[in-house]
């Protein structure tokens, strides 16, 4: 149960990071920075 709770927590964190990266990516004008944030979103 403890391991499953850890994975559930980790899933939530990764989904949050991915969502935030996508939100920020849509606001960035600099293409190089936008590409970096997009890569972070893909990694998450």
ModelCIF file with pLDDT and N, C-alpha, C, O atoms, coordinates in Angstrom:
data_MODEL
#
_entry.id   MODEL 
#
_entity.id                         1 
_entity.type                       polymer 
_entity.pdbx_number_of_molecules   1 
#
_entity_poly.entity_id                      1 
_entity_poly.type                           'polypeptide(L)' 
_entity_poly.nstd_linkage                   no 
_entity_poly.nstd_monomer                   no 
_entity_poly.pdbx_seq_one_letter_code       
;(UNK)(UNK)(UNK)(UNK)(UNK)(UNK)(UNK)(UNK)(UNK)(UNK)(UNK)(UNK)(UNK)(UNK)(UNK)(UNK)
(UNK)(UNK)(UNK)(UNK)(UNK)(UNK)(UNK)(UNK)(UNK)(UNK)(UNK)(UNK)(UNK)(UNK)(UNK)(UNK)
(UNK)(UNK)(UNK)(UNK)(UNK)(UNK)(UNK)(UNK)(UNK)(UNK)(UNK)(UNK)
;
_entity_poly.pdbx_seq_one_letter_code_can   XXXXXXXXXXXXXXXXXXXXXXXXXXXXXXXXXXXXXXXXXXXX 
_entity_poly.pdbx_strand_id                 A 
#
loop_
_entity_poly_seq.entity_id 
_entity_poly_seq.num 
_entity_poly_seq.mon_id 
_entity_poly_seq.hetero 
1 1  UNK n 
1 2  UNK n 
1 3  UNK n 
1 4  UNK n 
1 5  UNK n 
1 6  UNK n 
1 7  UNK n 
1 8  UNK n 
1 9  UNK n 
1 10 UNK n 
1 11 UNK n 
1 12 UNK n 
1 13 UNK n 
1 14 UNK n 
1 15 UNK n 
1 16 UNK n 
1 17 UNK n 
1 18 UNK n 
1 19 UNK n 
1 20 UNK n 
1 21 UNK n 
1 22 UNK n 
1 23 UNK n 
1 24 UNK n 
1 25 UNK n 
1 26 UNK n 
1 27 UNK n 
1 28 UNK n 
1 29 UNK n 
1 30 UNK n 
1 31 UNK n 
1 32 UNK n 
1 33 UNK n 
1 34 UNK n 
1 35 UNK n 
1 36 UNK n 
1 37 UNK n 
1 38 UNK n 
1 39 UNK n 
1 40 UNK n 
1 41 UNK n 
1 42 UNK n 
1 43 UNK n 
1 44 UNK n 
#
_struct_asym.id          A 
_struct_asym.entity_id   1 
#
loop_
_ma_qa_metric.id 
_ma_qa_metric.mode 
_ma_qa_metric.name 
_ma_qa_metric.software_group_id 
_ma_qa_metric.type 
1 global pLDDT . pLDDT 
2 local  pLDDT . pLDDT 
#
_ma_qa_metric_global.metric_id      1 
_ma_qa_metric_global.metric_value   93.30 
_ma_qa_metric_global.model_id       1 
_ma_qa_metric_global.ordinal_id     1 
#
loop_
_ma_qa_metric_local.label_asym_id 
_ma_qa_metric_local.label_comp_id 
_ma_qa_metric_local.label_seq_id 
_ma_qa_metric_local.metric_id 
_ma_qa_metric_local.metric_value 
_ma_qa_metric_local.model_id 
_ma_qa_metric_local.ordinal_id 
A UNK 1  2 92.00 1 1  
A UNK 2  2 94.00 1 2  
A UNK 3  2 88.00 1 3  
A UNK 4  2 85.00 1 4  
A UNK 5  2 90.00 1 5  
A UNK 6  2 89.00 1 6  
A UNK 7  2 87.00 1 7  
A UNK 8  2 87.00 1 8  
A UNK 9  2 92.00 1 9  
A UNK 10 2 90.00 1 10 
A UNK 11 2 91.00 1 11 
A UNK 12 2 93.00 1 12 
A UNK 13 2 94.00 1 13 
A UNK 14 2 93.00 1 14 
A UNK 15 2 94.00 1 15 
A UNK 16 2 96.00 1 16 
A UNK 17 2 95.00 1 17 
A UNK 18 2 94.00 1 18 
A UNK 19 2 95.00 1 19 
A UNK 20 2 95.00 1 20 
A UNK 21 2 95.00 1 21 
A UNK 22 2 94.00 1 22 
A UNK 23 2 95.00 1 23 
A UNK 24 2 95.00 1 24 
A UNK 25 2 93.00 1 25 
A UNK 26 2 92.00 1 26 
A UNK 27 2 95.00 1 27 
A UNK 28 2 95.00 1 28 
A UNK 29 2 95.00 1 29 
A UNK 30 2 96.00 1 30 
A UNK 31 2 96.00 1 31 
A UNK 32 2 96.00 1 32 
A UNK 33 2 96.00 1 33 
A UNK 34 2 95.00 1 34 
A UNK 35 2 95.00 1 35 
A UNK 36 2 95.00 1 36 
A UNK 37 2 95.00 1 37 
A UNK 38 2 95.00 1 38 
A UNK 39 2 95.00 1 39 
A UNK 40 2 94.00 1 40 
A UNK 41 2 94.00 1 41 
A UNK 42 2 94.00 1 42 
A UNK 43 2 94.00 1 43 
A UNK 44 2 92.00 1 44 
#
loop_
_atom_site.group_PDB 
_atom_site.id 
_atom_site.type_symbol 
_atom_site.label_atom_id 
_atom_site.label_alt_id 
_atom_site.label_comp_id 
_atom_site.label_asym_id 
_atom_site.label_entity_id 
_atom_site.label_seq_id 
_atom_site.pdbx_PDB_ins_code 
_atom_site.Cartn_x 
_atom_site.Cartn_y 
_atom_site.Cartn_z 
_atom_site.occupancy 
_atom_site.B_iso_or_equiv 
_atom_site.pdbx_formal_charge 
_atom_site.auth_seq_id 
_atom_site.auth_comp_id 
_atom_site.auth_asym_id 
_atom_site.auth_atom_id 
_atom_site.pdbx_PDB_model_num 
ATOM 1   N N  . UNK A 1 1  ? 0.833  -1.199 0.000   1.00 92.00 ? 1  UNK A N  1 
ATOM 2   C CA . UNK A 1 1  ? 0.000  0.000  0.000   1.00 92.00 ? 1  UNK A CA 1 
ATOM 3   C C  . UNK A 1 1  ? 0.869  1.250  0.000   1.00 92.00 ? 1  UNK A C  1 
ATOM 4   O O  . UNK A 1 1  ? 0.563  2.225  -0.687  1.00 92.00 ? 1  UNK A O  1 
ATOM 5   N N  . UNK A 1 2  ? 1.947  1.221  0.767   1.00 94.00 ? 2  UNK A N  1 
ATOM 6   C CA . UNK A 1 2  ? 2.848  2.373  0.842   1.00 94.00 ? 2  UNK A CA 1 
ATOM 7   C C  . UNK A 1 2  ? 3.491  2.657  -0.525  1.00 94.00 ? 2  UNK A C  1 
ATOM 8   O O  . UNK A 1 2  ? 3.612  3.813  -0.930  1.00 94.00 ? 2  UNK A O  1 
ATOM 9   N N  . UNK A 1 3  ? 3.896  1.607  -1.219  1.00 88.00 ? 3  UNK A N  1 
ATOM 10  C CA . UNK A 1 3  ? 4.499  1.778  -2.544  1.00 88.00 ? 3  UNK A CA 1 
ATOM 11  C C  . UNK A 1 3  ? 3.483  2.338  -3.539  1.00 88.00 ? 3  UNK A C  1 
ATOM 12  O O  . UNK A 1 3  ? 3.818  3.204  -4.347  1.00 88.00 ? 3  UNK A O  1 
ATOM 13  N N  . UNK A 1 4  ? 2.258  1.854  -3.483  1.00 85.00 ? 4  UNK A N  1 
ATOM 14  C CA . UNK A 1 4  ? 1.213  2.359  -4.369  1.00 85.00 ? 4  UNK A CA 1 
ATOM 15  C C  . UNK A 1 4  ? 0.903  3.827  -4.085  1.00 85.00 ? 4  UNK A C  1 
ATOM 16  O O  . UNK A 1 4  ? 0.664  4.607  -5.007  1.00 85.00 ? 4  UNK A O  1 
ATOM 17  N N  . UNK A 1 5  ? 0.908  4.199  -2.810  1.00 90.00 ? 5  UNK A N  1 
ATOM 18  C CA . UNK A 1 5  ? 0.686  5.604  -2.453  1.00 90.00 ? 5  UNK A CA 1 
ATOM 19  C C  . UNK A 1 5  ? 1.820  6.481  -2.963  1.00 90.00 ? 5  UNK A C  1 
ATOM 20  O O  . UNK A 1 5  ? 1.584  7.603  -3.412  1.00 90.00 ? 5  UNK A O  1 
ATOM 21  N N  . UNK A 1 6  ? 3.050  5.977  -2.898  1.00 89.00 ? 6  UNK A N  1 
ATOM 22  C CA . UNK A 1 6  ? 4.185  6.726  -3.423  1.00 89.00 ? 6  UNK A CA 1 
ATOM 23  C C  . UNK A 1 6  ? 4.035  6.947  -4.928  1.00 89.00 ? 6  UNK A C  1 
ATOM 24  O O  . UNK A 1 6  ? 4.260  8.053  -5.420  1.00 89.00 ? 6  UNK A O  1 
ATOM 25  N N  . UNK A 1 7  ? 3.660  5.913  -5.647  1.00 87.00 ? 7  UNK A N  1 
ATOM 26  C CA . UNK A 1 7  ? 3.502  6.025  -7.099  1.00 87.00 ? 7  UNK A CA 1 
ATOM 27  C C  . UNK A 1 7  ? 2.356  6.977  -7.433  1.00 87.00 ? 7  UNK A C  1 
ATOM 28  O O  . UNK A 1 7  ? 2.459  7.771  -8.369  1.00 87.00 ? 7  UNK A O  1 
ATOM 29  N N  . UNK A 1 8  ? 1.272  6.900  -6.674  1.00 87.00 ? 8  UNK A N  1 
ATOM 30  C CA . UNK A 1 8  ? 0.155  7.812  -6.891  1.00 87.00 ? 8  UNK A CA 1 
ATOM 31  C C  . UNK A 1 8  ? 0.585  9.261  -6.674  1.00 87.00 ? 8  UNK A C  1 
ATOM 32  O O  . UNK A 1 8  ? 0.218  10.145 -7.449  1.00 87.00 ? 8  UNK A O  1 
ATOM 33  N N  . UNK A 1 9  ? 1.356  9.498  -5.629  1.00 92.00 ? 9  UNK A N  1 
ATOM 34  C CA . UNK A 1 9  ? 1.870  10.837 -5.342  1.00 92.00 ? 9  UNK A CA 1 
ATOM 35  C C  . UNK A 1 9  ? 2.804  11.312 -6.460  1.00 92.00 ? 9  UNK A C  1 
ATOM 36  O O  . UNK A 1 9  ? 2.724  12.457 -6.906  1.00 92.00 ? 9  UNK A O  1 
ATOM 37  N N  . UNK A 1 10 ? 3.677  10.427 -6.897  1.00 90.00 ? 10 UNK A N  1 
ATOM 38  C CA . UNK A 1 10 ? 4.614  10.766 -7.972  1.00 90.00 ? 10 UNK A CA 1 
ATOM 39  C C  . UNK A 1 10 ? 3.871  11.072 -9.271  1.00 90.00 ? 10 UNK A C  1 
ATOM 40  O O  . UNK A 1 10 ? 4.241  11.995 -9.996  1.00 90.00 ? 10 UNK A O  1 
ATOM 41  N N  . UNK A 1 11 ? 2.824  10.300 -9.567  1.00 91.00 ? 11 UNK A N  1 
ATOM 42  C CA . UNK A 1 11 ? 2.012  10.569 -10.760 1.00 91.00 ? 11 UNK A CA 1 
ATOM 43  C C  . UNK A 1 11 ? 1.399  11.966 -10.693 1.00 91.00 ? 11 UNK A C  1 
ATOM 44  O O  . UNK A 1 11 ? 1.397  12.701 -11.681 1.00 91.00 ? 11 UNK A O  1 
ATOM 45  N N  . UNK A 1 12 ? 0.890  12.318 -9.540  1.00 93.00 ? 12 UNK A N  1 
ATOM 46  C CA . UNK A 1 12 ? 0.297  13.642 -9.365  1.00 93.00 ? 12 UNK A CA 1 
ATOM 47  C C  . UNK A 1 12 ? 1.309  14.755 -9.576  1.00 93.00 ? 12 UNK A C  1 
ATOM 48  O O  . UNK A 1 12 ? 1.012  15.763 -10.217 1.00 93.00 ? 12 UNK A O  1 
ATOM 49  N N  . UNK A 1 13 ? 2.513  14.566 -9.032  1.00 94.00 ? 13 UNK A N  1 
ATOM 50  C CA . UNK A 1 13 ? 3.557  15.579 -9.201  1.00 94.00 ? 13 UNK A CA 1 
ATOM 51  C C  . UNK A 1 13 ? 3.956  15.724 -10.667 1.00 94.00 ? 13 UNK A C  1 
ATOM 52  O O  . UNK A 1 13 ? 4.083  16.840 -11.170 1.00 94.00 ? 13 UNK A O  1 
ATOM 53  N N  . UNK A 1 14 ? 4.151  14.619 -11.339 1.00 93.00 ? 14 UNK A N  1 
ATOM 54  C CA . UNK A 1 14 ? 4.557  14.668 -12.739 1.00 93.00 ? 14 UNK A CA 1 
ATOM 55  C C  . UNK A 1 14 ? 3.482  15.299 -13.614 1.00 93.00 ? 14 UNK A C  1 
ATOM 56  O O  . UNK A 1 14 ? 3.792  16.057 -14.533 1.00 93.00 ? 14 UNK A O  1 
ATOM 57  N N  . UNK A 1 15 ? 2.225  14.989 -13.333 1.00 94.00 ? 15 UNK A N  1 
ATOM 58  C CA . UNK A 1 15 ? 1.136  15.590 -14.102 1.00 94.00 ? 15 UNK A CA 1 
ATOM 59  C C  . UNK A 1 15 ? 1.098  17.097 -13.857 1.00 94.00 ? 15 UNK A C  1 
ATOM 60  O O  . UNK A 1 15 ? 0.878  17.872 -14.788 1.00 94.00 ? 15 UNK A O  1 
ATOM 61  N N  . UNK A 1 16 ? 1.312  17.517 -12.604 1.00 96.00 ? 16 UNK A N  1 
ATOM 62  C CA . UNK A 1 16 ? 1.340  18.936 -12.263 1.00 96.00 ? 16 UNK A CA 1 
ATOM 63  C C  . UNK A 1 16 ? 2.480  19.645 -13.001 1.00 96.00 ? 16 UNK A C  1 
ATOM 64  O O  . UNK A 1 16 ? 2.275  20.708 -13.587 1.00 96.00 ? 16 UNK A O  1 
ATOM 65  N N  . UNK A 1 17 ? 3.685  19.053 -12.972 1.00 95.00 ? 17 UNK A N  1 
ATOM 66  C CA . UNK A 1 17 ? 4.832  19.665 -13.649 1.00 95.00 ? 17 UNK A CA 1 
ATOM 67  C C  . UNK A 1 17 ? 4.579  19.787 -15.149 1.00 95.00 ? 17 UNK A C  1 
ATOM 68  O O  . UNK A 1 17 ? 4.904  20.803 -15.763 1.00 95.00 ? 17 UNK A O  1 
ATOM 69  N N  . UNK A 1 18 ? 4.000  18.751 -15.723 1.00 94.00 ? 18 UNK A N  1 
ATOM 70  C CA . UNK A 1 18 ? 3.706  18.774 -17.155 1.00 94.00 ? 18 UNK A CA 1 
ATOM 71  C C  . UNK A 1 18 ? 2.699  19.879 -17.481 1.00 94.00 ? 18 UNK A C  1 
ATOM 72  O O  . UNK A 1 18 ? 2.869  20.611 -18.457 1.00 94.00 ? 18 UNK A O  1 
ATOM 73  N N  . UNK A 1 19 ? 1.661  19.995 -16.671 1.00 95.00 ? 19 UNK A N  1 
ATOM 74  C CA . UNK A 1 19 ? 0.644  21.025 -16.877 1.00 95.00 ? 19 UNK A CA 1 
ATOM 75  C C  . UNK A 1 19 ? 1.251  22.419 -16.775 1.00 95.00 ? 19 UNK A C  1 
ATOM 76  O O  . UNK A 1 19 ? 0.967  23.282 -17.605 1.00 95.00 ? 19 UNK A O  1 
ATOM 77  N N  . UNK A 1 20 ? 2.084  22.642 -15.761 1.00 95.00 ? 20 UNK A N  1 
ATOM 78  C CA . UNK A 1 20 ? 2.702  23.952 -15.569 1.00 95.00 ? 20 UNK A CA 1 
ATOM 79  C C  . UNK A 1 20 ? 3.653  24.291 -16.721 1.00 95.00 ? 20 UNK A C  1 
ATOM 80  O O  . UNK A 1 20 ? 3.684  25.430 -17.187 1.00 95.00 ? 20 UNK A O  1 
ATOM 81  N N  . UNK A 1 21 ? 4.417  23.313 -17.173 1.00 95.00 ? 21 UNK A N  1 
ATOM 82  C CA . UNK A 1 21 ? 5.310  23.546 -18.316 1.00 95.00 ? 21 UNK A CA 1 
ATOM 83  C C  . UNK A 1 21 ? 4.502  23.968 -19.540 1.00 95.00 ? 21 UNK A C  1 
ATOM 84  O O  . UNK A 1 21 ? 4.883  24.902 -20.245 1.00 95.00 ? 21 UNK A O  1 
ATOM 85  N N  . UNK A 1 22 ? 3.394  23.287 -19.791 1.00 94.00 ? 22 UNK A N  1 
ATOM 86  C CA . UNK A 1 22 ? 2.560  23.625 -20.953 1.00 94.00 ? 22 UNK A CA 1 
ATOM 87  C C  . UNK A 1 22 ? 1.949  25.011 -20.812 1.00 94.00 ? 22 UNK A C  1 
ATOM 88  O O  . UNK A 1 22 ? 1.854  25.746 -21.795 1.00 94.00 ? 22 UNK A O  1 
ATOM 89  N N  . UNK A 1 23 ? 1.531  25.381 -19.596 1.00 95.00 ? 23 UNK A N  1 
ATOM 90  C CA . UNK A 1 23 ? 0.980  26.719 -19.378 1.00 95.00 ? 23 UNK A CA 1 
ATOM 91  C C  . UNK A 1 23 ? 2.032  27.793 -19.659 1.00 95.00 ? 23 UNK A C  1 
ATOM 92  O O  . UNK A 1 23 ? 1.760  28.776 -20.348 1.00 95.00 ? 23 UNK A O  1 
ATOM 93  N N  . UNK A 1 24 ? 3.223  27.593 -19.122 1.00 95.00 ? 24 UNK A N  1 
ATOM 94  C CA . UNK A 1 24 ? 4.306  28.562 -19.300 1.00 95.00 ? 24 UNK A CA 1 
ATOM 95  C C  . UNK A 1 24 ? 4.732  28.622 -20.761 1.00 95.00 ? 24 UNK A C  1 
ATOM 96  O O  . UNK A 1 24 ? 4.980  29.698 -21.304 1.00 95.00 ? 24 UNK A O  1 
ATOM 97  N N  . UNK A 1 25 ? 4.814  27.455 -21.388 1.00 93.00 ? 25 UNK A N  1 
ATOM 98  C CA . UNK A 1 25 ? 5.243  27.390 -22.777 1.00 93.00 ? 25 UNK A CA 1 
ATOM 99  C C  . UNK A 1 25 ? 4.346  28.247 -23.678 1.00 93.00 ? 25 UNK A C  1 
ATOM 100 O O  . UNK A 1 25 ? 4.826  28.869 -24.626 1.00 93.00 ? 25 UNK A O  1 
ATOM 101 N N  . UNK A 1 26 ? 3.063  28.276 -23.383 1.00 92.00 ? 26 UNK A N  1 
ATOM 102 C CA . UNK A 1 26 ? 2.125  29.049 -24.193 1.00 92.00 ? 26 UNK A CA 1 
ATOM 103 C C  . UNK A 1 26 ? 2.263  30.552 -23.985 1.00 92.00 ? 26 UNK A C  1 
ATOM 104 O O  . UNK A 1 26 ? 1.716  31.335 -24.761 1.00 92.00 ? 26 UNK A O  1 
ATOM 105 N N  . UNK A 1 27 ? 2.984  30.960 -22.953 1.00 95.00 ? 27 UNK A N  1 
ATOM 106 C CA . UNK A 1 27 ? 3.150  32.381 -22.659 1.00 95.00 ? 27 UNK A CA 1 
ATOM 107 C C  . UNK A 1 27 ? 4.512  32.925 -23.086 1.00 95.00 ? 27 UNK A C  1 
ATOM 108 O O  . UNK A 1 27 ? 4.718  34.139 -23.087 1.00 95.00 ? 27 UNK A O  1 
ATOM 109 N N  . UNK A 1 28 ? 5.427  32.054 -23.443 1.00 95.00 ? 28 UNK A N  1 
ATOM 110 C CA . UNK A 1 28 ? 6.794  32.458 -23.767 1.00 95.00 ? 28 UNK A CA 1 
ATOM 111 C C  . UNK A 1 28 ? 6.887  32.894 -25.225 1.00 95.00 ? 28 UNK A C  1 
ATOM 112 O O  . UNK A 1 28 ? 6.353  32.242 -26.123 1.00 95.00 ? 28 UNK A O  1 
ATOM 113 N N  . UNK A 1 29 ? 7.576  34.011 -25.439 1.00 95.00 ? 29 UNK A N  1 
ATOM 114 C CA . UNK A 1 29 ? 7.780  34.524 -26.794 1.00 95.00 ? 29 UNK A CA 1 
ATOM 115 C C  . UNK A 1 29 ? 9.104  34.035 -27.400 1.00 95.00 ? 29 UNK A C  1 
ATOM 116 O O  . UNK A 1 29 ? 9.180  33.767 -28.599 1.00 95.00 ? 29 UNK A O  1 
ATOM 117 N N  . UNK A 1 30 ? 10.134 33.923 -26.570 1.00 96.00 ? 30 UNK A N  1 
ATOM 118 C CA . UNK A 1 30 ? 11.460 33.499 -27.031 1.00 96.00 ? 30 UNK A CA 1 
ATOM 119 C C  . UNK A 1 30 ? 11.412 32.033 -27.470 1.00 96.00 ? 30 UNK A C  1 
ATOM 120 O O  . UNK A 1 30 ? 11.106 31.154 -26.664 1.00 96.00 ? 30 UNK A O  1 
ATOM 121 N N  . UNK A 1 31 ? 11.711 31.772 -28.730 1.00 96.00 ? 31 UNK A N  1 
ATOM 122 C CA . UNK A 1 31 ? 11.573 30.424 -29.288 1.00 96.00 ? 31 UNK A CA 1 
ATOM 123 C C  . UNK A 1 31 ? 12.526 29.416 -28.640 1.00 96.00 ? 31 UNK A C  1 
ATOM 124 O O  . UNK A 1 31 ? 12.146 28.270 -28.400 1.00 96.00 ? 31 UNK A O  1 
ATOM 125 N N  . UNK A 1 32 ? 13.747 29.835 -28.359 1.00 96.00 ? 32 UNK A N  1 
ATOM 126 C CA . UNK A 1 32 ? 14.723 28.921 -27.745 1.00 96.00 ? 32 UNK A CA 1 
ATOM 127 C C  . UNK A 1 32 ? 14.263 28.501 -26.348 1.00 96.00 ? 32 UNK A C  1 
ATOM 128 O O  . UNK A 1 32 ? 14.334 27.323 -25.996 1.00 96.00 ? 32 UNK A O  1 
ATOM 129 N N  . UNK A 1 33 ? 13.798 29.452 -25.566 1.00 96.00 ? 33 UNK A N  1 
ATOM 130 C CA . UNK A 1 33 ? 13.303 29.160 -24.230 1.00 96.00 ? 33 UNK A CA 1 
ATOM 131 C C  . UNK A 1 33 ? 12.037 28.308 -24.297 1.00 96.00 ? 33 UNK A C  1 
ATOM 132 O O  . UNK A 1 33 ? 11.843 27.394 -23.497 1.00 96.00 ? 33 UNK A O  1 
ATOM 133 N N  . UNK A 1 34 ? 11.188 28.624 -25.261 1.00 95.00 ? 34 UNK A N  1 
ATOM 134 C CA . UNK A 1 34 ? 9.954  27.860 -25.458 1.00 95.00 ? 34 UNK A CA 1 
ATOM 135 C C  . UNK A 1 34 ? 10.267 26.393 -25.780 1.00 95.00 ? 34 UNK A C  1 
ATOM 136 O O  . UNK A 1 34 ? 9.600  25.486 -25.283 1.00 95.00 ? 34 UNK A O  1 
ATOM 137 N N  . UNK A 1 35 ? 11.270 26.178 -26.601 1.00 95.00 ? 35 UNK A N  1 
ATOM 138 C CA . UNK A 1 35 ? 11.689 24.818 -26.950 1.00 95.00 ? 35 UNK A CA 1 
ATOM 139 C C  . UNK A 1 35 ? 12.202 24.071 -25.728 1.00 95.00 ? 35 UNK A C  1 
ATOM 140 O O  . UNK A 1 35 ? 11.917 22.885 -25.559 1.00 95.00 ? 35 UNK A O  1 
ATOM 141 N N  . UNK A 1 36 ? 12.955 24.754 -24.877 1.00 95.00 ? 36 UNK A N  1 
ATOM 142 C CA . UNK A 1 36 ? 13.474 24.133 -23.651 1.00 95.00 ? 36 UNK A CA 1 
ATOM 143 C C  . UNK A 1 36 ? 12.341 23.710 -22.721 1.00 95.00 ? 36 UNK A C  1 
ATOM 144 O O  . UNK A 1 36 ? 12.361 22.613 -22.163 1.00 95.00 ? 36 UNK A O  1 
ATOM 145 N N  . UNK A 1 37 ? 11.364 24.580 -22.564 1.00 95.00 ? 37 UNK A N  1 
ATOM 146 C CA . UNK A 1 37 ? 10.222 24.268 -21.698 1.00 95.00 ? 37 UNK A CA 1 
ATOM 147 C C  . UNK A 1 37 ? 9.402  23.130 -22.302 1.00 95.00 ? 37 UNK A C  1 
ATOM 148 O O  . UNK A 1 37 ? 8.886  22.279 -21.577 1.00 95.00 ? 37 UNK A O  1 
ATOM 149 N N  . UNK A 1 38 ? 9.282  23.118 -23.624 1.00 95.00 ? 38 UNK A N  1 
ATOM 150 C CA . UNK A 1 38 ? 8.564  22.036 -24.295 1.00 95.00 ? 38 UNK A CA 1 
ATOM 151 C C  . UNK A 1 38 ? 9.265  20.697 -24.048 1.00 95.00 ? 38 UNK A C  1 
ATOM 152 O O  . UNK A 1 38 ? 8.604  19.681 -23.831 1.00 95.00 ? 38 UNK A O  1 
ATOM 153 N N  . UNK A 1 39 ? 10.593 20.695 -24.081 1.00 95.00 ? 39 UNK A N  1 
ATOM 154 C CA . UNK A 1 39 ? 11.359 19.480 -23.806 1.00 95.00 ? 39 UNK A CA 1 
ATOM 155 C C  . UNK A 1 39 ? 11.154 19.013 -22.365 1.00 95.00 ? 39 UNK A C  1 
ATOM 156 O O  . UNK A 1 39 ? 11.071 17.814 -22.099 1.00 95.00 ? 39 UNK A O  1 
ATOM 157 N N  . UNK A 1 40 ? 11.074 19.973 -21.437 1.00 94.00 ? 40 UNK A N  1 
ATOM 158 C CA . UNK A 1 40 ? 10.799 19.616 -20.039 1.00 94.00 ? 40 UNK A CA 1 
ATOM 159 C C  . UNK A 1 40 ? 9.417  18.981 -19.909 1.00 94.00 ? 40 UNK A C  1 
ATOM 160 O O  . UNK A 1 40 ? 9.251  17.999 -19.186 1.00 94.00 ? 40 UNK A O  1 
ATOM 161 N N  . UNK A 1 41 ? 8.435  19.532 -20.600 1.00 94.00 ? 41 UNK A N  1 
ATOM 162 C CA . UNK A 1 41 ? 7.083  18.976 -20.562 1.00 94.00 ? 41 UNK A CA 1 
ATOM 163 C C  . UNK A 1 41 ? 7.073  17.554 -21.108 1.00 94.00 ? 41 UNK A C  1 
ATOM 164 O O  . UNK A 1 41 ? 6.404  16.678 -20.559 1.00 94.00 ? 41 UNK A O  1 
ATOM 165 N N  . UNK A 1 42 ? 7.812  17.327 -22.185 1.00 94.00 ? 42 UNK A N  1 
ATOM 166 C CA . UNK A 1 42 ? 7.896  15.986 -22.762 1.00 94.00 ? 42 UNK A CA 1 
ATOM 167 C C  . UNK A 1 42 ? 8.573  15.016 -21.804 1.00 94.00 ? 42 UNK A C  1 
ATOM 168 O O  . UNK A 1 42 ? 8.158  13.863 -21.687 1.00 94.00 ? 42 UNK A O  1 
ATOM 169 N N  . UNK A 1 43 ? 9.614  15.479 -21.121 1.00 94.00 ? 43 UNK A N  1 
ATOM 170 C CA . UNK A 1 43 ? 10.316 14.625 -20.160 1.00 94.00 ? 43 UNK A CA 1 
ATOM 171 C C  . UNK A 1 43 ? 9.395  14.237 -19.012 1.00 94.00 ? 43 UNK A C  1 
ATOM 172 O O  . UNK A 1 43 ? 9.391  13.087 -18.575 1.00 94.00 ? 43 UNK A O  1 
ATOM 173 N N  . UNK A 1 44 ? 8.614  15.199 -18.523 1.00 92.00 ? 44 UNK A N  1 
ATOM 174 C CA . UNK A 1 44 ? 7.679  14.890 -17.441 1.00 92.00 ? 44 UNK A CA 1 
ATOM 175 C C  . UNK A 1 44 ? 6.594  13.926 -17.923 1.00 92.00 ? 44 UNK A C  1 
ATOM 176 O O  . UNK A 1 44 ? 5.713  13.550 -17.149 1.00 92.00 ? 44 UNK A O  1 
#
